[in-house]
Amino acid sequence: IFDLSKNLSIGEKARSSGILLIQYKAETPAEAQRVLNAVADAYTKQNIARGVANADSGLDFLDGQIPIAEKAVRDAEKELNDYRRQAQVFDLSFESQSVLTQIEKINADLQSLQMQEDEIEKRYTKNHPVYQQLLSNRDRLNAQLSRLRVETEGLPETQRNILNMTRKLEIAQDAYTELQTQAQSTKVLRASNIGSVRIIDMA
C-alpha cells in the first residue's frame, strides 16, 4: 500500500467539479491501467458497501423498536377496552370526541411547524420576520391546546379517562405506523443502493 500510494496521485479535475482525476506512475502502461482500474473499482464498491451498512444499521435499530411500539399499541388497547368494560361506557360523547379531534389537529399542526422550523433555522435567525411568524403561530397553537386541556378537566371523570386513554392509543398507533413506514423505506433504499460514486472513464 505504501509503495502504491507513493506513485498514486488523486486530485479534482476542476475546482468544485466533484470529478476526480487519478494518476499512477508505473513501469508499463498496462501495469498503470491495471492498478488504476483496481483502485477505482475498490473505491466504488466501498462506497456502495458503506451505503448498505448505513441502511443496515438504521434497519437494525428500527427492527428493534417496532416490537416495542407494537406492544405499546396492544397495552393501550387493552387498557382502554378494560376500562370501557369496567365503566360500562363504550363511546366518547359528542363533546369529548370534538375535543379529541381538535387536540389531534393542533398536535399535527405543531408537528408540522417543528419540521418547518428545522428548515427555517438553517436560513434565518430568530429575529427574522419569517421565524417570528412561525414562533407566533406556535404560541397560538399552544394556547389553544392549553385551553382544550382545561376543557377536558370539565368533562365527567369517565369521559376524561376514556379521552386520555384514546389519545394514548392513537399516539402509540401513530408511532408504530411511522416506524413501519421508515423500515419499509430503509429496505427499499438498501435494495436500490447504487452508491454516490461513478467511474466516468476507465484507465
Protein backbone atom coordinates (compact mmCIF):
# COMPACT_ATOMS: atom_id res chain seq x y z
CA ILE A 1 0.00 0.00 0.00
CA PHE A 2 2.85 2.37 0.85
CA ASP A 3 4.59 1.67 -2.48
CA LEU A 4 1.30 2.14 -4.33
CA SER A 5 0.49 5.42 -2.58
CA LYS A 6 3.91 6.87 -3.46
CA ASN A 7 3.11 6.56 -7.16
CA LEU A 8 -0.60 7.40 -6.91
CA SER A 9 -1.94 10.94 -7.19
CA ILE A 10 -5.58 12.00 -6.86
CA GLY A 11 -6.97 15.47 -7.39
CA GLU A 12 -10.03 17.31 -8.61
CA LYS A 13 -10.07 17.74 -12.36
CA ALA A 14 -11.51 21.24 -11.97
CA ARG A 15 -12.22 23.13 -8.79
CA SER A 16 -15.63 22.29 -7.25
CA SER A 17 -16.39 19.94 -10.14
CA GLY A 18 -16.71 16.84 -8.00
CA ILE A 19 -14.75 14.96 -10.68
CA LEU A 20 -11.56 13.25 -9.51
CA LEU A 21 -8.59 12.53 -11.75
CA ILE A 22 -6.48 9.55 -10.66
CA GLN A 23 -2.95 9.08 -11.98
CA TYR A 24 -0.44 6.33 -11.36
CA LYS A 25 3.23 6.06 -12.31
CA ALA A 26 4.29 2.58 -13.38
CA GLU A 27 6.97 0.93 -15.47
CA THR A 28 4.46 0.00 -18.16
CA PRO A 29 1.12 1.44 -19.36
CA ALA A 30 -0.51 -1.95 -18.81
CA GLU A 31 0.51 -2.00 -15.13
CA ALA A 32 -0.70 1.57 -14.64
CA GLN A 33 -4.00 0.69 -16.27
CA ARG A 34 -4.45 -2.41 -14.10
CA VAL A 35 -3.70 -0.57 -10.84
CA LEU A 36 -5.88 2.46 -11.63
CA ASN A 37 -8.88 0.37 -12.61
CA ALA A 38 -8.46 -1.77 -9.48
CA VAL A 39 -8.34 1.34 -7.26
CA ALA A 40 -11.40 2.87 -8.94
CA ASP A 41 -13.31 -0.41 -8.68
CA ALA A 42 -12.42 -0.85 -5.00
CA TYR A 43 -13.43 2.73 -4.22
CA THR A 44 -16.78 2.31 -5.97
CA LYS A 45 -17.53 -0.96 -4.17
CA GLN A 46 -16.56 0.56 -0.82
CA ASN A 47 -18.91 3.49 -1.44
CA ILE A 48 -21.82 1.12 -2.13
CA ALA A 49 -20.93 -1.05 0.87
CA ARG A 50 -20.89 2.00 3.15
CA GLY A 51 -24.37 2.99 2.00
CA VAL A 52 -25.66 -0.55 2.58
CA ALA A 53 -24.00 -0.64 6.03
CA ASN A 54 -25.69 2.63 6.98
CA ALA A 55 -29.04 1.26 5.83
CA ASP A 56 -28.45 -1.99 7.74
CA SER A 57 -27.63 -0.04 10.89
CA GLY A 58 -30.82 2.00 10.58
CA LEU A 59 -32.85 -1.12 9.84
CA ASP A 60 -31.44 -2.94 12.88
CA PHE A 61 -32.50 -0.03 15.07
CA LEU A 62 -36.00 0.09 13.56
CA ASP A 63 -36.42 -3.69 13.80
CA GLY A 64 -35.61 -3.39 17.49
CA GLN A 65 -38.10 -0.56 18.05
CA ILE A 66 -41.06 -1.98 16.10
CA PRO A 67 -41.87 -4.83 18.57
CA ILE A 68 -41.70 -2.32 21.45
CA ALA A 69 -44.07 0.03 19.61
CA GLU A 70 -46.40 -2.87 18.74
CA LYS A 71 -46.56 -3.91 22.40
CA ALA A 72 -47.34 -0.29 23.38
CA VAL A 73 -50.32 -0.38 20.99
CA ARG A 74 -51.59 -3.68 22.42
CA ASP A 75 -51.19 -2.44 26.00
CA ALA A 76 -53.01 0.82 25.23
CA GLU A 77 -55.84 -1.07 23.50
CA LYS A 78 -56.20 -3.45 26.45
CA GLU A 79 -56.16 -0.60 28.96
CA LEU A 80 -58.90 1.26 27.06
CA ASN A 81 -61.08 -1.82 26.49
CA ASP A 82 -60.75 -2.95 30.10
CA TYR A 83 -61.74 0.48 31.36
CA ARG A 84 -64.71 0.67 28.99
CA ARG A 85 -65.99 -2.69 30.24
CA GLN A 86 -65.46 -1.72 33.86
CA ALA A 87 -67.16 1.67 33.46
CA GLN A 88 -69.74 0.28 31.02
CA VAL A 89 -69.04 3.13 28.61
CA PHE A 90 -68.14 2.22 25.04
CA ASP A 91 -68.10 5.51 23.14
CA LEU A 92 -66.97 9.04 23.75
CA SER A 93 -69.68 11.65 24.00
CA PHE A 94 -70.01 14.09 21.10
CA GLU A 95 -68.38 16.81 23.23
CA SER A 96 -65.43 14.60 24.17
CA GLN A 97 -64.95 13.42 20.59
CA SER A 98 -64.95 17.02 19.38
CA VAL A 99 -62.28 17.99 21.91
CA LEU A 100 -60.17 14.96 20.95
CA THR A 101 -60.42 15.83 17.24
CA GLN A 102 -59.32 19.40 17.92
CA ILE A 103 -56.39 18.23 20.06
CA GLU A 104 -55.27 15.84 17.32
CA LYS A 105 -55.38 18.61 14.70
CA ILE A 106 -53.40 21.02 16.86
CA ASN A 107 -50.77 18.39 17.62
CA ALA A 108 -50.45 17.65 13.91
CA ASP A 109 -50.08 21.38 13.19
CA LEU A 110 -47.42 21.70 15.90
CA GLN A 111 -45.52 18.78 14.44
CA SER A 112 -45.68 20.40 11.01
CA LEU A 113 -44.37 23.68 12.47
CA GLN A 114 -41.48 21.80 14.08
CA MET A 115 -40.49 20.41 10.68
CA GLN A 116 -40.72 23.89 9.16
CA GLU A 117 -38.58 25.30 11.96
CA ASP A 118 -35.86 22.72 11.27
CA GLU A 119 -35.62 24.14 7.75
CA ILE A 120 -36.11 27.82 8.62
CA GLU A 121 -33.42 27.91 11.32
CA LYS A 122 -30.85 26.92 8.70
CA ARG A 123 -31.52 30.15 6.79
CA TYR A 124 -32.79 32.73 9.28
CA THR A 125 -32.10 33.99 12.78
CA LYS A 126 -34.90 34.01 15.35
CA ASN A 127 -35.29 37.77 14.85
CA HIS A 128 -36.19 37.37 11.18
CA PRO A 129 -39.89 38.06 10.35
CA VAL A 130 -40.32 34.57 8.83
CA TYR A 131 -39.01 32.93 12.01
CA GLN A 132 -41.03 35.30 14.21
CA GLN A 133 -44.22 34.37 12.32
CA LEU A 134 -43.54 30.68 12.92
CA LEU A 135 -42.97 31.28 16.64
CA SER A 136 -46.17 33.33 16.81
CA ASN A 137 -48.14 30.53 15.15
CA ARG A 138 -46.66 28.00 17.58
CA ASP A 139 -47.57 30.15 20.60
CA ARG A 140 -51.12 30.49 19.26
CA LEU A 141 -51.48 26.72 18.82
CA ASN A 142 -50.04 26.02 22.27
CA ALA A 143 -52.53 28.47 23.77
CA GLN A 144 -55.38 26.67 22.00
CA LEU A 145 -54.07 23.34 23.23
CA SER A 146 -53.91 24.59 26.80
CA ARG A 147 -57.49 25.85 26.56
CA LEU A 148 -58.69 22.48 25.27
CA ARG A 149 -56.91 20.67 28.10
CA VAL A 150 -58.73 22.91 30.55
CA GLU A 151 -61.98 21.95 28.81
CA THR A 152 -61.21 18.26 29.28
CA GLU A 153 -60.94 18.86 33.02
CA GLY A 154 -64.59 19.94 32.97
CA LEU A 155 -65.74 16.65 31.44
CA PRO A 156 -67.11 13.82 33.61
CA GLU A 157 -64.31 11.68 35.04
CA THR A 158 -65.28 8.64 32.99
CA GLN A 159 -65.23 10.60 29.73
CA ARG A 160 -61.99 12.27 30.74
CA ASN A 161 -60.31 8.93 31.40
CA ILE A 162 -61.55 7.46 28.12
CA LEU A 163 -60.38 10.59 26.30
CA ASN A 164 -56.88 10.27 27.76
CA MET A 165 -56.69 6.55 27.05
CA THR A 166 -57.94 7.05 23.48
CA ARG A 167 -55.32 9.72 22.92
CA LYS A 168 -52.64 7.45 24.36
CA LEU A 169 -53.73 4.66 21.99
CA GLU A 170 -53.67 6.96 18.96
CA ILE A 171 -50.17 8.22 19.82
CA ALA A 172 -48.97 4.61 20.14
CA GLN A 173 -50.60 3.69 16.81
CA ASP A 174 -49.04 6.70 15.06
CA ALA A 175 -45.58 5.81 16.42
CA TYR A 176 -45.97 2.18 15.32
CA THR A 177 -47.12 3.17 11.84
CA GLU A 178 -44.28 5.67 11.47
CA LEU A 179 -41.67 3.05 12.45
CA GLN A 180 -43.11 0.58 9.93
CA THR A 181 -43.04 3.23 7.20
CA GLN A 182 -39.43 4.11 8.00
CA ALA A 183 -38.43 0.43 8.00
CA GLN A 184 -40.06 -0.10 4.60
CA SER A 185 -38.36 2.99 3.17
CA THR A 186 -34.99 1.83 4.54
CA LYS A 187 -35.44 -1.62 2.97
CA VAL A 188 -36.19 -0.02 -0.41
CA LEU A 189 -33.18 2.27 -0.02
CA ARG A 190 -30.93 -0.67 0.84
CA ALA A 191 -32.16 -2.75 -2.09
CA SER A 192 -31.67 0.08 -4.55
CA ASN A 193 -28.35 1.34 -3.19
CA ILE A 194 -26.01 2.05 -6.10
CA GLY A 195 -23.67 4.40 -4.27
CA SER A 196 -22.85 8.01 -4.95
CA VAL A 197 -19.69 7.39 -6.98
CA ARG A 198 -19.49 6.82 -10.75
CA ILE A 199 -16.50 5.92 -12.89
CA ILE A 200 -16.62 8.32 -15.87
CA ASP A 201 -13.71 6.80 -17.78
CA MET A 202 -11.75 3.64 -17.12
CA ALA A 203 -7.97 3.87 -17.34
